[in-house]
Amino acid sequence: MTPPRRPDPPPMKTNDVRIAAAGTVAWAVALVVLLIVGLPSDDRWWLWVCVAGIGIGLFAMWYVPRLQAARARQETARQETARQEEQDQETAG
């Protein structure tokens, strides 16, 4: 017989915007290094990889706060709906 499973811990709070900013800075540093070092003409696509990384990071820094706010609003609405249903059941019962 196996022991009962313990409940999962709550999700860890993280600062996702800071993580996206760190990644964006890393891509910017890589771009600067590649520009300083200089690349053969066949390897110039690496510059565009860095530019794409910077662009995606900037988008993430714009999008993540909006995503988190929408999820918080959705959770609040879900809790309010559950609370309202409980009150309706108590008054009906």
PDB file of N, CA and C in Angstrom:
ATOM      1  N   MET A   1       0.846  -1.177   0.000  1.00  0.00           N
ATOM      2  CA  MET A   1       0.000   0.000   0.000  1.00  0.00           C
ATOM      3  C   MET A   1       0.895   1.245   0.000  1.00  0.00           C
ATOM      4  N   THR A   2       0.609   2.164  -0.892  1.00  0.00           N
ATOM      5  CA  THR A   2       1.415   3.383  -0.966  1.00  0.00           C
ATOM      6  C   THR A   2       0.810   4.470  -0.075  1.00  0.00           C
ATOM      7  N   PRO A   3       1.659   5.314   0.481  1.00  0.00           N
ATOM      8  CA  PRO A   3       1.127   6.395   1.321  1.00  0.00           C
ATOM      9  C   PRO A   3       0.345   7.394   0.461  1.00  0.00           C
ATOM     10  N   PRO A   4      -0.590   8.104   1.080  1.00  0.00           N
ATOM     11  CA  PRO A   4      -1.377   9.068   0.301  1.00  0.00           C
ATOM     12  C   PRO A   4      -0.470  10.186  -0.240  1.00  0.00           C
ATOM     13  N   ARG A   5      -0.841  10.688  -1.373  1.00  0.00           N
ATOM     14  CA  ARG A   5      -0.048  11.720  -2.035  1.00  0.00           C
ATOM     15  C   ARG A   5      -0.262  13.064  -1.344  1.00  0.00           C
ATOM     16  N   ARG A   6       0.848  13.749  -1.100  1.00  0.00           N
ATOM     17  CA  ARG A   6       0.750  15.080  -0.505  1.00  0.00           C
ATOM     18  C   ARG A   6       0.241  16.066  -1.544  1.00  0.00           C
ATOM     19  N   PRO A   7      -0.434  17.134  -1.124  1.00  0.00           N
ATOM     20  CA  PRO A   7      -0.933  18.106  -2.103  1.00  0.00           C
ATOM     21  C   PRO A   7       0.229  18.861  -2.761  1.00  0.00           C
ATOM     22  N   ASP A   8      -0.005  19.306  -3.978  1.00  0.00           N
ATOM     23  CA  ASP A   8       1.003  20.061  -4.692  1.00  0.00           C
ATOM     24  C   ASP A   8       1.238  21.407  -4.002  1.00  0.00           C
ATOM     25  N   PRO A   9       2.463  21.879  -4.005  1.00  0.00           N
ATOM     26  CA  PRO A   9       2.717  23.205  -3.435  1.00  0.00           C
ATOM     27  C   PRO A   9       2.144  24.283  -4.352  1.00  0.00           C
ATOM     28  N   PRO A  10       1.873  25.457  -3.820  1.00  0.00           N
ATOM     29  CA  PRO A  10       1.361  26.530  -4.679  1.00  0.00           C
ATOM     30  C   PRO A  10       2.438  26.975  -5.667  1.00  0.00           C
ATOM     31  N   PRO A  11       2.039  27.532  -6.792  1.00  0.00           N
ATOM     32  CA  PRO A  11       3.033  27.984  -7.775  1.00  0.00           C
ATOM     33  C   PRO A  11       3.933  29.065  -7.178  1.00  0.00           C
ATOM     34  N   MET A  12       5.181  29.037  -7.593  1.00  0.00           N
ATOM     35  CA  MET A  12       6.137  30.008  -7.099  1.00  0.00           C
ATOM     36  C   MET A  12       5.914  31.351  -7.788  1.00  0.00           C
ATOM     37  N   LYS A  13       5.954  32.419  -7.033  1.00  0.00           N
ATOM     38  CA  LYS A  13       5.791  33.761  -7.590  1.00  0.00           C
ATOM     39  C   LYS A  13       7.097  34.168  -8.267  1.00  0.00           C
ATOM     40  N   THR A  14       7.009  34.621  -9.495  1.00  0.00           N
ATOM     41  CA  THR A  14       8.192  35.076 -10.223  1.00  0.00           C
ATOM     42  C   THR A  14       7.898  36.420 -10.869  1.00  0.00           C
ATOM     43  N   ASN A  15       8.959  37.136 -11.189  1.00  0.00           N
ATOM     44  CA  ASN A  15       8.828  38.390 -11.904  1.00  0.00           C
ATOM     45  C   ASN A  15       9.149  38.100 -13.371  1.00  0.00           C
ATOM     46  N   ASP A  16       8.130  37.784 -14.133  1.00  0.00           N
ATOM     47  CA  ASP A  16       8.327  37.354 -15.510  1.00  0.00           C
ATOM     48  C   ASP A  16       8.844  38.478 -16.405  1.00  0.00           C
ATOM     49  N   VAL A  17       8.500  39.710 -16.090  1.00  0.00           N
ATOM     50  CA  VAL A  17       8.993  40.837 -16.889  1.00  0.00           C
ATOM     51  C   VAL A  17      10.502  40.971 -16.707  1.00  0.00           C
ATOM     52  N   ARG A  18      10.976  40.776 -15.506  1.00  0.00           N
ATOM     53  CA  ARG A  18      12.422  40.855 -15.251  1.00  0.00           C
ATOM     54  C   ARG A  18      13.158  39.744 -16.011  1.00  0.00           C
ATOM     55  N   ILE A  19      12.564  38.570 -16.072  1.00  0.00           N
ATOM     56  CA  ILE A  19      13.176  37.459 -16.812  1.00  0.00           C
ATOM     57  C   ILE A  19      13.235  37.795 -18.295  1.00  0.00           C
ATOM     58  N   ALA A  20      12.145  38.346 -18.839  1.00  0.00           N
ATOM     59  CA  ALA A  20      12.139  38.737 -20.252  1.00  0.00           C
ATOM     60  C   ALA A  20      13.157  39.847 -20.511  1.00  0.00           C
ATOM     61  N   ALA A  21      13.272  40.775 -19.576  1.00  0.00           N
ATOM     62  CA  ALA A  21      14.247  41.862 -19.734  1.00  0.00           C
ATOM     63  C   ALA A  21      15.673  41.316 -19.724  1.00  0.00           C
ATOM     64  N   ALA A  22      15.937  40.362 -18.867  1.00  0.00           N
ATOM     65  CA  ALA A  22      17.281  39.768 -18.817  1.00  0.00           C
ATOM     66  C   ALA A  22      17.606  39.061 -20.134  1.00  0.00           C
ATOM     67  N   GLY A  23      16.656  38.348 -20.683  1.00  0.00           N
ATOM     68  CA  GLY A  23      16.875  37.696 -21.968  1.00  0.00           C
ATOM     69  C   GLY A  23      17.087  38.700 -23.089  1.00  0.00           C
ATOM     70  N   THR A  24      16.327  39.792 -23.050  1.00  0.00           N
ATOM     71  CA  THR A  24      16.479  40.835 -24.067  1.00  0.00           C
ATOM     72  C   THR A  24      17.865  41.470 -23.985  1.00  0.00           C
ATOM     73  N   VAL A  25      18.316  41.730 -22.769  1.00  0.00           N
ATOM     74  CA  VAL A  25      19.656  42.302 -22.585  1.00  0.00           C
ATOM     75  C   VAL A  25      20.718  41.320 -23.083  1.00  0.00           C
ATOM     76  N   ALA A  26      20.532  40.050 -22.810  1.00  0.00           N
ATOM     77  CA  ALA A  26      21.499  39.053 -23.267  1.00  0.00           C
ATOM     78  C   ALA A  26      21.586  39.048 -24.798  1.00  0.00           C
ATOM     79  N   TRP A  27      20.435  39.128 -25.485  1.00  0.00           N
ATOM     80  CA  TRP A  27      20.450  39.180 -26.949  1.00  0.00           C
ATOM     81  C   TRP A  27      21.103  40.460 -27.449  1.00  0.00           C
ATOM     82  N   ALA A  28      20.866  41.579 -26.740  1.00  0.00           N
ATOM     83  CA  ALA A  28      21.492  42.840 -27.144  1.00  0.00           C
ATOM     84  C   ALA A  28      23.007  42.760 -26.990  1.00  0.00           C
ATOM     85  N   VAL A  29      23.469  42.163 -25.900  1.00  0.00           N
ATOM     86  CA  VAL A  29      24.917  41.995 -25.696  1.00  0.00           C
ATOM     87  C   VAL A  29      25.491  41.106 -26.800  1.00  0.00           C
ATOM     88  N   ALA A  30      24.794  40.035 -27.127  1.00  0.00           N
ATOM     89  CA  ALA A  30      25.272  39.151 -28.195  1.00  0.00           C
ATOM     90  C   ALA A  30      25.347  39.899 -29.519  1.00  0.00           C
ATOM     91  N   LEU A  31      24.370  40.746 -29.793  1.00  0.00           N
ATOM     92  CA  LEU A  31      24.390  41.528 -31.026  1.00  0.00           C
ATOM     93  C   LEU A  31      25.584  42.469 -31.070  1.00  0.00           C
ATOM     94  N   VAL A  32      25.836  43.157 -29.957  1.00  0.00           N
ATOM     95  CA  VAL A  32      26.978  44.080 -29.895  1.00  0.00           C
ATOM     96  C   VAL A  32      28.283  43.315 -30.092  1.00  0.00           C
ATOM     97  N   VAL A  33      28.419  42.186 -29.442  1.00  0.00           N
ATOM     98  CA  VAL A  33      29.643  41.387 -29.586  1.00  0.00           C
ATOM     99  C   VAL A  33      29.831  40.963 -31.039  1.00  0.00           C
ATOM    100  N   LEU A  34      28.763  40.507 -31.678  1.00  0.00           N
ATOM    101  CA  LEU A  34      28.872  40.087 -33.078  1.00  0.00           C
ATOM    102  C   LEU A  34      29.213  41.260 -33.989  1.00  0.00           C
ATOM    103  N   LEU A  35      28.687  42.437 -33.687  1.00  0.00           N
ATOM    104  CA  LEU A  35      29.014  43.608 -34.502  1.00  0.00           C
ATOM    105  C   LEU A  35      30.474  44.023 -34.319  1.00  0.00           C
ATOM    106  N   ILE A  36      30.979  43.889 -33.100  1.00  0.00           N
ATOM    107  CA  ILE A  36      32.377  44.256 -32.834  1.00  0.00           C
ATOM    108  C   ILE A  36      33.326  43.235 -33.465  1.00  0.00           C
ATOM    109  N   VAL A  37      33.034  41.960 -33.283  1.00  0.00           N
ATOM    110  CA  VAL A  37      33.903  40.904 -33.782  1.00  0.00           C
ATOM    111  C   VAL A  37      33.900  40.887 -35.307  1.00  0.00           C
ATOM    112  N   GLY A  38      32.763  41.108 -35.890  1.00  0.00           N
ATOM    113  CA  GLY A  38      32.650  41.031 -37.345  1.00  0.00           C
ATOM    114  C   GLY A  38      32.472  39.591 -37.771  1.00  0.00           C
ATOM    115  N   LEU A  39      31.604  39.398 -38.733  1.00  0.00           N
ATOM    116  CA  LEU A  39      31.291  38.043 -39.199  1.00  0.00           C
ATOM    117  C   LEU A  39      31.566  37.932 -40.687  1.00  0.00           C
ATOM    118  N   PRO A  40      31.932  36.745 -41.134  1.00  0.00           N
ATOM    119  CA  PRO A  40      32.020  36.537 -42.585  1.00  0.00           C
ATOM    120  C   PRO A  40      30.632  36.697 -43.209  1.00  0.00           C
ATOM    121  N   SER A  41      30.577  37.003 -44.463  1.00  0.00           N
ATOM    122  CA  SER A  41      29.288  37.270 -45.110  1.00  0.00           C
ATOM    123  C   SER A  41      28.340  36.074 -45.042  1.00  0.00           C
ATOM    124  N   ASP A  42      28.861  34.861 -44.959  1.00  0.00           N
ATOM    125  CA  ASP A  42      27.995  33.680 -44.876  1.00  0.00           C
ATOM    126  C   ASP A  42      27.322  33.535 -43.514  1.00  0.00           C
ATOM    127  N   ASP A  43      27.871  34.164 -42.496  1.00  0.00           N
ATOM    128  CA  ASP A  43      27.334  34.022 -41.137  1.00  0.00           C
ATOM    129  C   ASP A  43      26.594  35.268 -40.658  1.00  0.00           C
ATOM    130  N   ARG A  44      26.212  36.143 -41.539  1.00  0.00           N
ATOM    131  CA  ARG A  44      25.509  37.372 -41.136  1.00  0.00           C
ATOM    132  C   ARG A  44      24.119  37.081 -40.576  1.00  0.00           C
ATOM    133  N   TRP A  45      23.573  35.922 -40.823  1.00  0.00           N
ATOM    134  CA  TRP A  45      22.243  35.603 -40.311  1.00  0.00           C
ATOM    135  C   TRP A  45      22.210  35.592 -38.792  1.00  0.00           C
ATOM    136  N   TRP A  46      23.367  35.407 -38.157  1.00  0.00           N
ATOM    137  CA  TRP A  46      23.407  35.444 -36.686  1.00  0.00           C
ATOM    138  C   TRP A  46      22.982  36.812 -36.165  1.00  0.00           C
ATOM    139  N   LEU A  47      23.270  37.866 -36.893  1.00  0.00           N
ATOM    140  CA  LEU A  47      22.835  39.205 -36.484  1.00  0.00           C
ATOM    141  C   LEU A  47      21.312  39.270 -36.423  1.00  0.00           C
ATOM    142  N   TRP A  48      20.656  38.660 -37.402  1.00  0.00           N
ATOM    143  CA  TRP A  48      19.200  38.673 -37.421  1.00  0.00           C
ATOM    144  C   TRP A  48      18.601  37.804 -36.318  1.00  0.00           C
ATOM    145  N   VAL A  49      19.317  36.779 -35.945  1.00  0.00           N
ATOM    146  CA  VAL A  49      18.859  35.966 -34.802  1.00  0.00           C
ATOM    147  C   VAL A  49      18.832  36.826 -33.547  1.00  0.00           C
ATOM    148  N   CYS A  50      19.878  37.616 -33.345  1.00  0.00           N
ATOM    149  CA  CYS A  50      19.932  38.513 -32.184  1.00  0.00           C
ATOM    150  C   CYS A  50      18.832  39.568 -32.245  1.00  0.00           C
ATOM    151  N   VAL A  51      18.619  40.133 -33.432  1.00  0.00           N
ATOM    152  CA  VAL A  51      17.567  41.140 -33.590  1.00  0.00           C
ATOM    153  C   VAL A  51      16.197  40.523 -33.292  1.00  0.00           C
ATOM    154  N   ALA A  52      15.966  39.313 -33.760  1.00  0.00           N
ATOM    155  CA  ALA A  52      14.702  38.633 -33.481  1.00  0.00           C
ATOM    156  C   ALA A  52      14.547  38.379 -31.981  1.00  0.00           C
ATOM    157  N   GLY A  53      15.635  37.978 -31.313  1.00  0.00           N
ATOM    158  CA  GLY A  53      15.587  37.762 -29.863  1.00  0.00           C
ATOM    159  C   GLY A  53      15.252  39.033 -29.114  1.00  0.00           C
ATOM    160  N   ILE A  54      15.831  40.142 -29.545  1.00  0.00           N
ATOM    161  CA  ILE A  54      15.528  41.437 -28.909  1.00  0.00           C
ATOM    162  C   ILE A  54      14.062  41.804 -29.138  1.00  0.00           C
ATOM    163  N   GLY A  55      13.595  41.614 -30.368  1.00  0.00           N
ATOM    164  CA  GLY A  55      12.194  41.930 -30.672  1.00  0.00           C
ATOM    165  C   GLY A  55      11.216  41.096 -29.873  1.00  0.00           C
ATOM    166  N   ILE A  56      11.481  39.814 -29.775  1.00  0.00           N
ATOM    167  CA  ILE A  56      10.598  38.933 -28.996  1.00  0.00           C
ATOM    168  C   ILE A  56      10.642  39.310 -27.517  1.00  0.00           C
ATOM    169  N   GLY A  57      11.825  39.647 -27.020  1.00  0.00           N
ATOM    170  CA  GLY A  57      11.936  40.055 -25.622  1.00  0.00           C
ATOM    171  C   GLY A  57      11.170  41.332 -25.337  1.00  0.00           C
ATOM    172  N   LEU A  58      11.249  42.306 -26.243  1.00  0.00           N
ATOM    173  CA  LEU A  58      10.486  43.554 -26.057  1.00  0.00           C
ATOM    174  C   LEU A  58       8.989  43.295 -26.085  1.00  0.00           C
ATOM    175  N   PHE A  59       8.565  42.415 -26.998  1.00  0.00           N
ATOM    176  CA  PHE A  59       7.149  42.042 -27.037  1.00  0.00           C
ATOM    177  C   PHE A  59       6.727  41.379 -25.727  1.00  0.00           C
ATOM    178  N   ALA A  60       7.570  40.493 -25.208  1.00  0.00           N
ATOM    179  CA  ALA A  60       7.247  39.802 -23.954  1.00  0.00           C
ATOM    180  C   ALA A  60       7.139  40.788 -22.801  1.00  0.00           C
ATOM    181  N   MET A  61       8.018  41.784 -22.758  1.00  0.00           N
ATOM    182  CA  MET A  61       7.957  42.775 -21.674  1.00  0.00           C
ATOM    183  C   MET A  61       6.685  43.613 -21.774  1.00  0.00           C
ATOM    184  N   TRP A  62       6.143  43.773 -22.974  1.00  0.00           N
ATOM    185  CA  TRP A  62       4.882  44.487 -23.144  1.00  0.00           C
ATOM    186  C   TRP A  62       3.688  43.571 -22.836  1.00  0.00           C
ATOM    187  N   TYR A  63       3.760  42.314 -23.266  1.00  0.00           N
ATOM    188  CA  TYR A  63       2.617  41.406 -23.208  1.00  0.00           C
ATOM    189  C   TYR A  63       2.400  40.757 -21.839  1.00  0.00           C
ATOM    190  N   VAL A  64       3.469  40.387 -21.157  1.00  0.00           N
ATOM    191  CA  VAL A  64       3.355  39.622 -19.910  1.00  0.00           C
ATOM    192  C   VAL A  64       2.530  40.349 -18.840  1.00  0.00           C
ATOM    193  N   PRO A  65       2.725  41.646 -18.590  1.00  0.00           N
ATOM    194  CA  PRO A  65       1.875  42.293 -17.581  1.00  0.00           C
ATOM    195  C   PRO A  65       0.396  42.263 -17.953  1.00  0.00           C
ATOM    196  N   ARG A  66       0.098  42.404 -19.226  1.00  0.00           N
ATOM    197  CA  ARG A  66      -1.299  42.350 -19.657  1.00  0.00           C
ATOM    198  C   ARG A  66      -1.878  40.945 -19.478  1.00  0.00           C
ATOM    199  N   LEU A  67      -1.095  39.937 -19.763  1.00  0.00           N
ATOM    200  CA  LEU A  67      -1.526  38.555 -19.566  1.00  0.00           C
ATOM    201  C   LEU A  67      -1.800  38.278 -18.086  1.00  0.00           C
ATOM    202  N   GLN A  68      -0.888  38.705 -17.219  1.00  0.00           N
ATOM    203  CA  GLN A  68      -1.063  38.474 -15.790  1.00  0.00           C
ATOM    204  C   GLN A  68      -2.277  39.224 -15.250  1.00  0.00           C
ATOM    205  N   ALA A  69      -2.505  40.445 -15.720  1.00  0.00           N
ATOM    206  CA  ALA A  69      -3.673  41.204 -15.275  1.00  0.00           C
ATOM    207  C   ALA A  69      -4.966  40.529 -15.734  1.00  0.00           C
ATOM    208  N   ALA A  70      -4.978  40.018 -16.958  1.00  0.00           N
ATOM    209  CA  ALA A  70      -6.170  39.325 -17.460  1.00  0.00           C
ATOM    210  C   ALA A  70      -6.436  38.055 -16.661  1.00  0.00           C
ATOM    211  N   ARG A  71      -5.376  37.327 -16.329  1.00  0.00           N
ATOM    212  CA  ARG A  71      -5.557  36.108 -15.522  1.00  0.00           C
ATOM    213  C   ARG A  71      -6.070  36.446 -14.126  1.00  0.00           C
ATOM    214  N   ALA A  72      -5.593  37.546 -13.549  1.00  0.00           N
ATOM    215  CA  ALA A  72      -6.068  37.957 -12.223  1.00  0.00           C
ATOM    216  C   ALA A  72      -7.544  38.356 -12.292  1.00  0.00           C
ATOM    217  N   ARG A  73      -7.940  39.080 -13.343  1.00  0.00           N
ATOM    218  CA  ARG A  73      -9.349  39.447 -13.501  1.00  0.00           C
ATOM    219  C   ARG A  73     -10.216  38.208 -13.669  1.00  0.00           C
ATOM    220  N   GLN A  74      -9.733  37.246 -14.437  1.00  0.00           N
ATOM    221  CA  GLN A  74     -10.486  36.016 -14.667  1.00  0.00           C
ATOM    222  C   GLN A  74     -10.654  35.236 -13.362  1.00  0.00           C
ATOM    223  N   GLU A  75      -9.607  35.162 -12.572  1.00  0.00           N
ATOM    224  CA  GLU A  75      -9.690  34.450 -11.293  1.00  0.00           C
ATOM    225  C   GLU A  75     -10.656  35.152 -10.344  1.00  0.00           C
ATOM    226  N   THR A  76     -10.612  36.476 -10.315  1.00  0.00           N
ATOM    227  CA  THR A  76     -11.533  37.231  -9.468  1.00  0.00           C
ATOM    228  C   THR A  76     -12.971  36.994  -9.902  1.00  0.00           C
ATOM    229  N   ALA A  77     -13.222  37.006 -11.201  1.00  0.00           N
ATOM    230  CA  ALA A  77     -14.574  36.754 -11.704  1.00  0.00           C
ATOM    231  C   ALA A  77     -15.024  35.340 -11.368  1.00  0.00           C
ATOM    232  N   ARG A  78     -14.107  34.369 -11.476  1.00  0.00           N
ATOM    233  CA  ARG A  78     -14.435  32.982 -11.160  1.00  0.00           C
ATOM    234  C   ARG A  78     -14.814  32.844  -9.680  1.00  0.00           C
ATOM    235  N   GLN A  79     -14.047  33.491  -8.814  1.00  0.00           N
ATOM    236  CA  GLN A  79     -14.348  33.432  -7.382  1.00  0.00           C
ATOM    237  C   GLN A  79     -15.673  34.121  -7.072  1.00  0.00           C
ATOM    238  N   GLU A  80     -15.933  35.242  -7.733  1.00  0.00           N
ATOM    239  CA  GLU A  80     -17.190  35.953  -7.522  1.00  0.00           C
ATOM    240  C   GLU A  80     -18.375  35.113  -7.983  1.00  0.00           C
ATOM    241  N   THR A  81     -18.234  34.421  -9.092  1.00  0.00           N
ATOM    242  CA  THR A  81     -19.301  33.547  -9.584  1.00  0.00           C
ATOM    243  C   THR A  81     -19.552  32.406  -8.604  1.00  0.00           C
ATOM    244  N   ALA A  82     -18.483  31.807  -8.089  1.00  0.00           N
ATOM    245  CA  ALA A  82     -18.638  30.710  -7.123  1.00  0.00           C
ATOM    246  C   ALA A  82     -19.311  31.215  -5.843  1.00  0.00           C
ATOM    247  N   ARG A  83     -18.923  32.395  -5.384  1.00  0.00           N
ATOM    248  CA  ARG A  83     -19.518  32.975  -4.179  1.00  0.00           C
ATOM    249  C   ARG A  83     -21.004  33.250  -4.410  1.00  0.00           C
ATOM    250  N   GLN A  84     -21.346  33.776  -5.590  1.00  0.00           N
ATOM    251  CA  GLN A  84     -22.740  34.063  -5.906  1.00  0.00           C
ATOM    252  C   GLN A  84     -23.560  32.781  -5.974  1.00  0.00           C
ATOM    253  N   GLU A  85     -22.988  31.715  -6.548  1.00  0.00           N
ATOM    254  CA  GLU A  85     -23.699  30.434  -6.615  1.00  0.00           C
ATOM    255  C   GLU A  85     -23.937  29.864  -5.225  1.00  0.00           C
ATOM    256  N   GLU A  86     -22.966  30.017  -4.323  1.00  0.00           N
ATOM    257  CA  GLU A  86     -23.151  29.557  -2.942  1.00  0.00           C
ATOM    258  C   GLU A  86     -24.292  30.308  -2.275  1.00  0.00           C
ATOM    259  N   GLN A  87     -24.339  31.612  -2.476  1.00  0.00           N
ATOM    260  CA  GLN A  87     -25.402  32.408  -1.871  1.00  0.00           C
ATOM    261  C   GLN A  87     -26.760  32.031  -2.445  1.00  0.00           C
ATOM    262  N   ASP A  88     -26.806  31.767  -3.751  1.00  0.00           N
ATOM    263  CA  ASP A  88     -28.061  31.361  -4.379  1.00  0.00           C
ATOM    264  C   ASP A  88     -28.554  30.022  -3.836  1.00  0.00           C
ATOM    265  N   GLN A  89     -27.611  29.087  -3.609  1.00  0.00           N
ATOM    266  CA  GLN A  89     -27.986  27.783  -3.072  1.00  0.00           C
ATOM    267  C   GLN A  89     -28.462  27.899  -1.633  1.00  0.00           C
ATOM    268  N   GLU A  90     -27.849  28.792  -0.842  1.00  0.00           N
ATOM    269  CA  GLU A  90     -28.259  28.973   0.543  1.00  0.00           C
ATOM    270  C   GLU A  90     -29.654  29.588   0.621  1.00  0.00           C
ATOM    271  N   THR A  91     -29.955  30.537  -0.227  1.00  0.00           N
ATOM    272  CA  THR A  91     -31.274  31.156  -0.196  1.00  0.00           C
ATOM    273  C   THR A  91     -32.340  30.236  -0.774  1.00  0.00           C
ATOM    274  N   ALA A  92     -31.963  29.374  -1.715  1.00  0.00           N
ATOM    275  CA  ALA A  92     -32.943  28.445  -2.310  1.00  0.00           C
ATOM    276  C   ALA A  92     -33.211  27.273  -1.374  1.00  0.00           C
ATOM    277  N   GLY A  93     -32.221  26.962  -0.553  1.00  0.00           N
ATOM    278  CA  GLY A  93     -32.333  25.751   0.275  1.00  0.00           C
ATOM    279  C   GLY A  93     -32.933  25.960   1.572  1.00  0.00           C
TER     280      GLY A  93
END
